[in-house]
Amino acid sequence: MINDSLLQLLHSHLVGWGLRQFTSDETYFQWQRQALSSADLTTLHRQVEQKRCGSSADEVAFYDATSHPNILPVLYSQRYDYYLAIGLRVAARIGEARSILDVGCGVGILTTFYARQYPDKTFVGIDRSPASIARAQEQAKALGLTNVRFDCLDLDHTPPTRSYDLVLATHALVQAEQDPGIPSRSWNTFERANESQPQADFERRTGIGTRLDRLSALLSAQGRIVVFEKTRQLARRVPLQRALAARDLGLIEQPELIRYRLVEEIADDGPFYVLGRGALPQLHWDESPEPDEGPPFDRTKLKTSSTDPDAPLYENHWPSAQRVWEQLYDKQLFKETTRQEPDGCQLHVELGQAEEGVYLYCVNTLDQRQLVLVEPARTVMLESYYQEIVNSAF
């Protein structure tokens, strides 16, 4: 349940940072063009690309630049709903913790909010961007906060030296957003082999192994850790959970999948984990796909009232597409292709006919599923789509 009073305090806090909440891309980008010069926008776009494809130094340079007083409100306003979603959940779970570490705190937007709500507790924010830390220190001073400290520290190289009752790691541990994760055993299952080498490779590539080792060592005897990363995709969620479990970090609460807006874009992130050493034995890690995602399938209602002549009878791009594909009546296979991709993943695509219509089913071992069902008269269209997929990457 959302605490309305806390919600209003968080809105006020974000406005104090100069952030604005938008629901329209058009309105947001109009404000962006008014607030930033063309030179600022060109520089920002260049640094976004360098951050996406470059080194950790490029990432630090990006966050240094975005901490500038002109750029900060414009860029971080895109994350306004993220701050609401995470800030409220974390603030409600600080509880009895006396000392709190916020890892990858950036410019300290949420760290300063927590410190304002709990003046009797001690907060430390760390980040590897010097300019972000300087901005956080300035804002803490302007707010008159004496219970929060910000340190420029790269967790990969220099771990903090004291213990904490609560460690917060939100969008801070798995920075390699393009990492595909660990593939499933084969194209027709979501199960992963429990082998040490793929797990070790994932932890090394993403850097999460070293970071978790250092953070788990910082927890006090009854300490807790909150983790929220861009690991919604099962191929990334499973190795993250295995990395947590390997360090004796267990679930205190059932993980929560979180959806929020980046202006008009919908972001599905998480899960939101609250963890402790060993934790509750009755709470188990779940390595299955998300339940009940994707459009419902009712073979008696495939003929819709859609006025779009190109609309399929049914289309599903969620993991649940596999369950629907398995339930199709009297499938007759026209053609199929299964191959290994350059990244080591397996791709399978098939074209066939069932009682419900002509279907195309495309799947890979990184949990991507796609099922398209059309009337037999439109078979040529699906044949063309099949060939397009076979001749390219999924």
Protein backbone atom coordinates (compact mmCIF):
# COMPACT_ATOMS: atom_id res chain seq x y z
CA MET A 1 0.00 0.00 0.00
CA ILE A 2 1.33 3.43 -0.95
CA ASN A 3 1.78 5.88 1.92
CA ASP A 4 0.12 9.03 0.52
CA SER A 5 1.99 11.31 2.91
CA LEU A 6 5.35 9.80 1.93
CA LEU A 7 4.38 10.03 -1.73
CA GLN A 8 3.73 13.75 -1.44
CA LEU A 9 7.04 14.24 0.37
CA LEU A 10 8.85 12.43 -2.44
CA HIS A 11 7.11 14.54 -5.10
CA SER A 12 8.18 17.68 -3.24
CA HIS A 13 11.72 16.36 -2.90
CA LEU A 14 12.00 15.64 -6.65
CA VAL A 15 10.65 19.08 -7.51
CA GLY A 16 13.31 20.54 -5.21
CA TRP A 17 15.91 18.90 -7.44
CA GLY A 18 14.34 20.63 -10.44
CA LEU A 19 12.71 17.46 -11.79
CA ARG A 20 9.36 17.48 -13.58
CA GLN A 21 6.93 14.64 -14.19
CA PHE A 22 5.85 14.12 -17.80
CA THR A 23 3.41 11.71 -19.41
CA SER A 24 3.90 12.97 -22.99
CA ASP A 25 7.07 12.58 -25.03
CA GLU A 26 6.08 15.62 -27.08
CA THR A 27 5.84 17.83 -23.99
CA TYR A 28 9.02 16.45 -22.49
CA PHE A 29 11.14 16.93 -25.60
CA GLN A 30 9.74 20.41 -26.10
CA TRP A 31 10.94 21.29 -22.60
CA GLN A 32 14.29 19.60 -23.32
CA ARG A 33 14.82 21.77 -26.41
CA GLN A 34 13.95 24.88 -24.43
CA ALA A 35 16.20 24.03 -21.50
CA LEU A 36 19.28 22.84 -23.41
CA SER A 37 21.20 24.41 -26.23
CA SER A 38 21.80 22.54 -29.47
CA ALA A 39 25.45 22.15 -28.42
CA ASP A 40 24.35 20.63 -25.08
CA LEU A 41 22.05 18.19 -26.88
CA THR A 42 24.73 17.17 -29.38
CA THR A 43 27.22 16.54 -26.59
CA LEU A 44 24.68 14.63 -24.56
CA HIS A 45 23.67 12.37 -27.45
CA ARG A 46 27.32 11.64 -28.21
CA GLN A 47 28.01 10.71 -24.60
CA VAL A 48 24.93 8.49 -24.45
CA GLU A 49 26.31 6.50 -27.39
CA GLN A 50 29.79 6.34 -25.86
CA LYS A 51 28.31 5.12 -22.57
CA ARG A 52 26.30 2.43 -24.35
CA CYS A 53 29.23 1.06 -26.33
CA GLY A 54 32.30 2.24 -24.46
CA SER A 55 34.37 1.54 -21.38
CA SER A 56 33.80 2.26 -17.70
CA ALA A 57 35.69 5.53 -18.25
CA ASP A 58 33.09 6.54 -20.87
CA GLU A 59 30.35 5.71 -18.38
CA VAL A 60 31.95 7.88 -15.69
CA ALA A 61 32.35 10.69 -18.23
CA PHE A 62 28.65 10.45 -19.06
CA TYR A 63 27.54 10.71 -15.44
CA ASP A 64 30.02 13.51 -14.81
CA ALA A 65 28.45 15.47 -17.67
CA THR A 66 24.86 14.77 -16.63
CA SER A 67 25.48 16.14 -13.14
CA HIS A 68 25.82 19.64 -14.64
CA PRO A 69 23.10 21.96 -13.22
CA ASN A 70 21.63 22.61 -16.68
CA ILE A 71 21.52 18.99 -17.77
CA LEU A 72 20.62 17.21 -14.53
CA PRO A 73 16.94 18.25 -14.23
CA VAL A 74 16.25 17.58 -17.91
CA LEU A 75 17.87 14.17 -18.09
CA TYR A 76 16.73 12.84 -14.73
CA SER A 77 13.14 13.99 -15.22
CA GLN A 78 12.85 11.01 -17.57
CA ARG A 79 13.34 8.83 -14.48
CA TYR A 80 10.77 10.63 -12.35
CA ASP A 81 8.46 7.60 -12.09
CA TYR A 82 11.44 5.34 -11.39
CA TYR A 83 12.27 7.50 -8.36
CA LEU A 84 8.68 7.22 -7.18
CA ALA A 85 8.59 3.45 -7.60
CA ILE A 86 11.93 2.73 -5.92
CA GLY A 87 12.05 5.59 -3.44
CA LEU A 88 8.76 4.66 -1.80
CA ARG A 89 9.61 0.97 -1.59
CA VAL A 90 13.06 1.53 -0.12
CA ALA A 91 11.94 4.20 2.34
CA ALA A 92 9.28 1.82 3.67
CA ARG A 93 11.92 -0.86 4.33
CA ILE A 94 14.63 1.09 6.13
CA GLY A 95 13.04 -0.02 9.38
CA GLU A 96 15.41 -0.62 12.29
CA ALA A 97 18.59 -0.15 10.26
CA ARG A 98 20.88 2.44 11.83
CA SER A 99 23.53 2.62 9.10
CA ILE A 100 22.63 2.54 5.41
CA LEU A 101 24.92 2.37 2.37
CA ASP A 102 23.56 3.48 -1.03
CA VAL A 103 25.73 1.97 -3.77
CA GLY A 104 25.86 3.80 -7.10
CA CYS A 105 23.97 6.73 -5.59
CA GLY A 106 24.67 9.05 -8.55
CA VAL A 107 23.88 12.65 -7.69
CA GLY A 108 22.11 11.50 -4.51
CA ILE A 109 18.49 12.17 -5.46
CA LEU A 110 17.09 9.25 -3.50
CA THR A 111 19.86 9.12 -0.89
CA THR A 112 19.05 12.63 0.27
CA PHE A 113 15.34 11.75 0.34
CA TYR A 114 15.99 8.80 2.67
CA ALA A 115 18.21 10.95 4.88
CA ARG A 116 15.49 13.60 5.16
CA GLN A 117 12.91 11.03 6.23
CA TYR A 118 15.18 9.39 8.82
CA PRO A 119 17.28 12.11 10.51
CA ASP A 120 18.24 9.72 13.33
CA LYS A 121 19.96 7.26 10.94
CA THR A 122 23.31 7.48 9.16
CA PHE A 123 23.50 7.31 5.37
CA VAL A 124 26.51 6.95 3.09
CA GLY A 125 26.28 7.24 -0.69
CA ILE A 126 29.08 6.04 -2.95
CA ASP A 127 29.57 6.49 -6.69
CA ARG A 128 32.53 6.47 -9.07
CA SER A 129 31.54 9.73 -10.81
CA PRO A 130 33.42 12.61 -9.09
CA ALA A 131 31.08 15.26 -10.49
CA SER A 132 28.00 13.33 -9.33
CA ILE A 133 29.40 13.05 -5.81
CA ALA A 134 30.24 16.77 -5.76
CA ARG A 135 26.66 17.56 -6.81
CA ALA A 136 25.29 15.24 -4.11
CA GLN A 137 27.45 16.93 -1.47
CA GLU A 138 26.24 20.37 -2.56
CA GLN A 139 22.59 19.34 -2.36
CA ALA A 140 23.00 17.69 1.04
CA LYS A 141 24.54 20.89 2.34
CA ALA A 142 21.77 23.01 0.82
CA LEU A 143 19.18 20.79 2.51
CA GLY A 144 20.97 21.07 5.84
CA LEU A 145 21.50 17.31 6.11
CA THR A 146 24.07 16.25 8.68
CA ASN A 147 23.30 12.51 8.65
CA VAL A 148 24.47 11.75 5.12
CA ARG A 149 27.94 11.55 3.58
CA PHE A 150 28.92 11.07 -0.06
CA ASP A 151 32.21 9.45 -1.13
CA CYS A 152 33.69 9.04 -4.59
CA LEU A 153 34.52 5.35 -4.64
CA ASP A 154 34.60 2.64 -7.30
CA LEU A 155 33.33 -0.56 -5.71
CA ASP A 156 35.19 -2.63 -8.33
CA HIS A 157 38.53 -1.38 -6.99
CA THR A 158 38.04 0.02 -3.49
CA PRO A 159 35.47 -1.57 -1.17
CA PRO A 160 34.08 0.41 1.78
CA THR A 161 35.73 -0.47 5.07
CA ARG A 162 32.91 -0.53 7.64
CA SER A 163 29.79 -2.65 8.03
CA TYR A 164 26.19 -1.55 7.43
CA ASP A 165 22.77 -2.66 8.59
CA LEU A 166 21.26 -2.03 5.16
CA VAL A 167 22.85 -1.91 1.71
CA LEU A 168 20.92 -0.44 -1.22
CA ALA A 169 21.90 -1.42 -4.76
CA THR A 170 19.38 -0.14 -7.29
CA HIS A 171 20.50 -0.01 -10.93
CA ALA A 172 24.07 -0.26 -9.66
CA LEU A 173 25.30 -3.87 -9.85
CA VAL A 174 24.60 -5.15 -13.39
CA GLN A 175 25.84 -2.34 -15.61
CA ALA A 176 26.22 -4.49 -18.74
CA GLU A 177 22.67 -3.93 -19.95
CA GLN A 178 23.35 -5.57 -23.30
CA ASP A 179 24.62 -8.81 -21.76
CA PRO A 180 22.28 -11.61 -22.91
CA GLY A 181 22.68 -13.69 -19.76
CA ILE A 182 22.76 -17.50 -19.73
CA PRO A 183 20.84 -19.42 -22.42
CA SER A 184 18.45 -22.25 -21.62
CA ARG A 185 19.31 -25.90 -22.30
CA SER A 186 17.49 -25.86 -25.65
CA TRP A 187 14.96 -23.83 -27.61
CA ASN A 188 11.92 -25.65 -26.21
CA THR A 189 12.63 -25.15 -22.51
CA PHE A 190 13.23 -22.30 -20.07
CA GLU A 191 15.46 -24.41 -17.81
CA ARG A 192 19.14 -23.58 -17.33
CA ALA A 193 21.87 -26.10 -16.59
CA ASN A 194 23.36 -25.51 -13.17
CA GLU A 195 26.93 -25.44 -14.44
CA SER A 196 29.65 -23.36 -12.80
CA GLN A 197 31.43 -22.05 -15.89
CA PRO A 198 28.53 -20.18 -17.58
CA GLN A 199 27.65 -18.67 -14.20
CA ALA A 200 31.24 -17.61 -13.56
CA ASP A 201 31.45 -16.11 -17.06
CA PHE A 202 28.26 -14.09 -16.46
CA GLU A 203 29.51 -12.77 -13.13
CA ARG A 204 32.83 -11.80 -14.69
CA ARG A 205 31.33 -10.14 -17.78
CA THR A 206 28.85 -8.07 -15.80
CA GLY A 207 31.17 -7.43 -12.84
CA ILE A 208 28.50 -8.60 -10.44
CA GLY A 209 30.67 -11.28 -8.83
CA THR A 210 33.20 -8.86 -7.36
CA ARG A 211 30.52 -6.34 -6.37
CA LEU A 212 28.38 -8.89 -4.55
CA ASP A 213 31.40 -10.35 -2.76
CA ARG A 214 32.26 -6.93 -1.42
CA LEU A 215 28.74 -5.90 -0.53
CA SER A 216 27.88 -9.14 1.26
CA ALA A 217 31.05 -8.73 3.32
CA LEU A 218 29.79 -5.30 4.44
CA LEU A 219 26.56 -6.54 5.99
CA SER A 220 26.28 -6.57 9.76
CA ALA A 221 25.18 -9.82 11.42
CA GLN A 222 21.47 -9.10 10.90
CA GLY A 223 22.03 -6.87 7.88
CA ARG A 224 19.81 -6.69 4.81
CA ILE A 225 20.40 -5.79 1.19
CA VAL A 226 17.95 -4.37 -1.35
CA VAL A 227 18.71 -5.22 -4.98
CA PHE A 228 16.87 -3.89 -8.03
CA GLU A 229 18.47 -4.31 -11.44
CA LYS A 230 17.58 -4.46 -15.12
CA THR A 231 17.26 -8.23 -15.00
CA ARG A 232 13.61 -8.81 -15.86
CA GLN A 233 14.58 -11.11 -18.73
CA LEU A 234 14.78 -14.67 -17.39
CA ALA A 235 18.19 -15.26 -18.99
CA ARG A 236 19.58 -12.48 -16.75
CA ARG A 237 17.33 -13.00 -13.75
CA VAL A 238 18.39 -16.61 -13.21
CA PRO A 239 22.18 -15.97 -13.05
CA LEU A 240 21.59 -12.91 -10.83
CA GLN A 241 19.57 -15.01 -8.40
CA ARG A 242 22.16 -17.77 -8.46
CA ALA A 243 24.87 -15.20 -7.72
CA LEU A 244 22.88 -13.92 -4.73
CA ALA A 245 22.17 -17.42 -3.41
CA ALA A 246 25.83 -18.44 -3.75
CA ARG A 247 26.70 -15.68 -1.27
CA ASP A 248 24.14 -16.92 1.26
CA LEU A 249 21.78 -14.06 0.47
CA GLY A 250 18.22 -15.34 0.77
CA LEU A 251 14.78 -13.86 0.32
CA ILE A 252 13.15 -11.95 3.16
CA GLU A 253 10.18 -11.06 0.92
CA GLN A 254 8.80 -12.47 -2.28
CA PRO A 255 10.50 -10.61 -5.17
CA GLU A 256 8.36 -7.94 -6.82
CA LEU A 257 8.31 -7.20 -10.54
CA ILE A 258 8.02 -3.46 -11.09
CA ARG A 259 6.66 -1.49 -14.01
CA TYR A 260 7.15 2.25 -14.33
CA ARG A 261 7.22 4.91 -17.02
CA LEU A 262 10.11 6.67 -18.71
CA VAL A 263 7.78 9.44 -19.91
CA GLU A 264 5.68 7.42 -22.42
CA GLU A 265 7.92 4.36 -22.59
CA ILE A 266 7.04 1.50 -20.25
CA ALA A 267 9.95 -0.06 -18.35
CA ASP A 268 9.65 -3.53 -16.87
CA ASP A 269 12.50 -3.96 -14.42
CA GLY A 270 13.42 -5.98 -11.41
CA PRO A 271 12.63 -8.00 -9.58
CA PHE A 272 12.86 -5.89 -6.41
CA TYR A 273 14.68 -8.11 -3.89
CA VAL A 274 14.91 -7.71 -0.12
CA LEU A 275 17.59 -10.10 1.12
CA GLY A 276 19.34 -11.23 4.24
CA ARG A 277 21.85 -13.89 5.21
CA GLY A 278 20.14 -17.25 4.91
CA ALA A 279 16.79 -15.43 5.27
CA LEU A 280 13.51 -17.36 5.42
CA PRO A 281 13.81 -21.03 4.41
CA GLN A 282 10.22 -21.17 3.13
CA LEU A 283 10.92 -18.55 0.44
CA HIS A 284 12.46 -20.17 -2.62
CA TRP A 285 14.10 -18.77 -5.73
CA ASP A 286 11.86 -18.99 -8.78
CA GLU A 287 13.55 -19.73 -12.12
CA SER A 288 10.35 -20.02 -14.16
CA PRO A 289 9.00 -17.46 -16.65
CA GLU A 290 6.65 -14.77 -15.48
CA PRO A 291 3.09 -16.07 -15.08
CA ASP A 292 0.11 -14.77 -17.03
CA GLU A 293 2.05 -12.44 -19.33
CA GLY A 294 0.94 -12.00 -22.90
CA PRO A 295 -2.50 -11.84 -24.53
CA PRO A 296 -5.00 -14.52 -23.46
CA PHE A 297 -5.71 -17.24 -25.97
CA ASP A 298 -9.28 -18.32 -26.68
CA ARG A 299 -9.64 -20.35 -29.85
CA THR A 300 -13.38 -19.66 -29.93
CA LYS A 301 -12.77 -15.90 -30.21
CA LEU A 302 -9.97 -15.69 -32.76
CA LYS A 303 -12.23 -13.85 -35.21
CA THR A 304 -12.09 -10.36 -33.78
CA SER A 305 -13.90 -7.20 -34.70
CA SER A 306 -10.66 -5.52 -35.74
CA THR A 307 -11.01 -3.25 -38.73
CA ASP A 308 -7.34 -3.70 -39.60
CA PRO A 309 -7.18 -6.17 -42.51
CA ASP A 310 -3.52 -6.92 -41.70
CA ALA A 311 -4.17 -7.85 -38.09
CA PRO A 312 -3.39 -11.52 -37.32
CA LEU A 313 -5.88 -13.83 -35.64
CA TYR A 314 -3.54 -13.98 -32.68
CA GLU A 315 -0.04 -12.70 -31.85
CA ASN A 316 2.06 -13.20 -28.72
CA HIS A 317 5.63 -12.02 -28.05
CA TRP A 318 5.79 -13.23 -24.44
CA PRO A 319 7.10 -16.46 -22.90
CA SER A 320 3.46 -17.60 -22.69
CA ALA A 321 3.57 -17.98 -26.49
CA GLN A 322 5.20 -21.37 -25.90
CA ARG A 323 2.21 -22.59 -23.89
CA VAL A 324 -0.19 -21.44 -26.61
CA TRP A 325 1.94 -23.09 -29.32
CA GLU A 326 1.87 -26.35 -27.36
CA GLN A 327 -1.95 -26.17 -27.16
CA LEU A 328 -2.63 -25.72 -30.88
CA TYR A 329 -4.78 -28.56 -32.27
CA ASP A 330 -3.54 -30.97 -34.95
CA LYS A 331 -0.36 -29.14 -35.91
CA GLN A 332 1.03 -29.99 -39.34
CA LEU A 333 4.56 -28.76 -39.97
CA PHE A 334 5.34 -27.11 -43.32
CA LYS A 335 8.98 -26.23 -42.69
CA GLU A 336 11.35 -25.58 -39.79
CA THR A 337 14.90 -24.39 -39.11
CA THR A 338 17.03 -24.87 -36.01
CA ARG A 339 20.52 -23.42 -35.85
CA GLN A 340 23.25 -22.19 -33.54
CA GLU A 341 23.72 -18.44 -33.56
CA PRO A 342 27.18 -16.76 -33.46
CA ASP A 343 26.63 -15.91 -29.78
CA GLY A 344 26.16 -19.61 -28.97
CA CYS A 345 22.40 -19.40 -28.57
CA GLN A 346 19.99 -21.66 -30.39
CA LEU A 347 17.30 -20.37 -32.76
CA HIS A 348 14.25 -22.33 -33.88
CA VAL A 349 11.58 -21.12 -36.32
CA GLU A 350 8.76 -23.15 -37.81
CA LEU A 351 5.84 -22.62 -40.13
CA GLY A 352 2.81 -24.86 -39.99
CA GLN A 353 -0.93 -25.21 -39.91
CA ALA A 354 -3.22 -26.10 -37.02
CA GLU A 355 -6.97 -26.31 -36.61
CA GLU A 356 -6.90 -22.65 -35.52
CA GLY A 357 -5.07 -21.39 -38.61
CA VAL A 358 -1.61 -21.08 -40.17
CA TYR A 359 1.04 -20.27 -37.59
CA LEU A 360 4.63 -19.12 -37.36
CA TYR A 361 6.52 -19.88 -34.17
CA CYS A 362 9.95 -18.38 -33.47
CA VAL A 363 11.97 -19.04 -30.34
CA ASN A 364 15.52 -18.87 -29.01
CA THR A 365 17.36 -20.01 -25.91
CA LEU A 366 17.37 -16.50 -24.44
CA ASP A 367 13.64 -16.95 -23.71
CA GLN A 368 12.34 -14.93 -26.62
CA ARG A 369 9.09 -16.35 -27.98
CA GLN A 370 6.89 -15.23 -30.85
CA LEU A 371 3.72 -16.86 -32.14
CA VAL A 372 1.70 -15.46 -35.04
CA LEU A 373 -1.55 -17.09 -36.20
CA VAL A 374 -3.39 -16.08 -39.41
CA GLU A 375 -6.09 -17.35 -41.76
CA PRO A 376 -4.95 -19.94 -44.36
CA ALA A 377 -5.54 -17.36 -47.11
CA ARG A 378 -2.62 -15.35 -45.72
CA THR A 379 -0.12 -18.23 -45.73
CA VAL A 380 2.13 -16.44 -48.24
CA MET A 381 2.59 -13.57 -45.81
CA LEU A 382 3.81 -15.90 -43.06
CA GLU A 383 6.04 -17.76 -45.52
CA SER A 384 7.71 -14.46 -46.35
CA TYR A 385 8.11 -13.68 -42.66
CA TYR A 386 9.56 -17.15 -42.06
CA GLN A 387 12.17 -16.64 -44.76
CA GLU A 388 13.04 -13.20 -43.42
CA ILE A 389 13.76 -14.65 -39.97
CA VAL A 390 15.75 -17.58 -41.35
CA ASN A 391 17.93 -15.19 -43.36
CA SER A 392 18.59 -12.89 -40.41
CA ALA A 393 19.09 -12.92 -36.65
CA PHE A 394 16.07 -13.34 -34.35
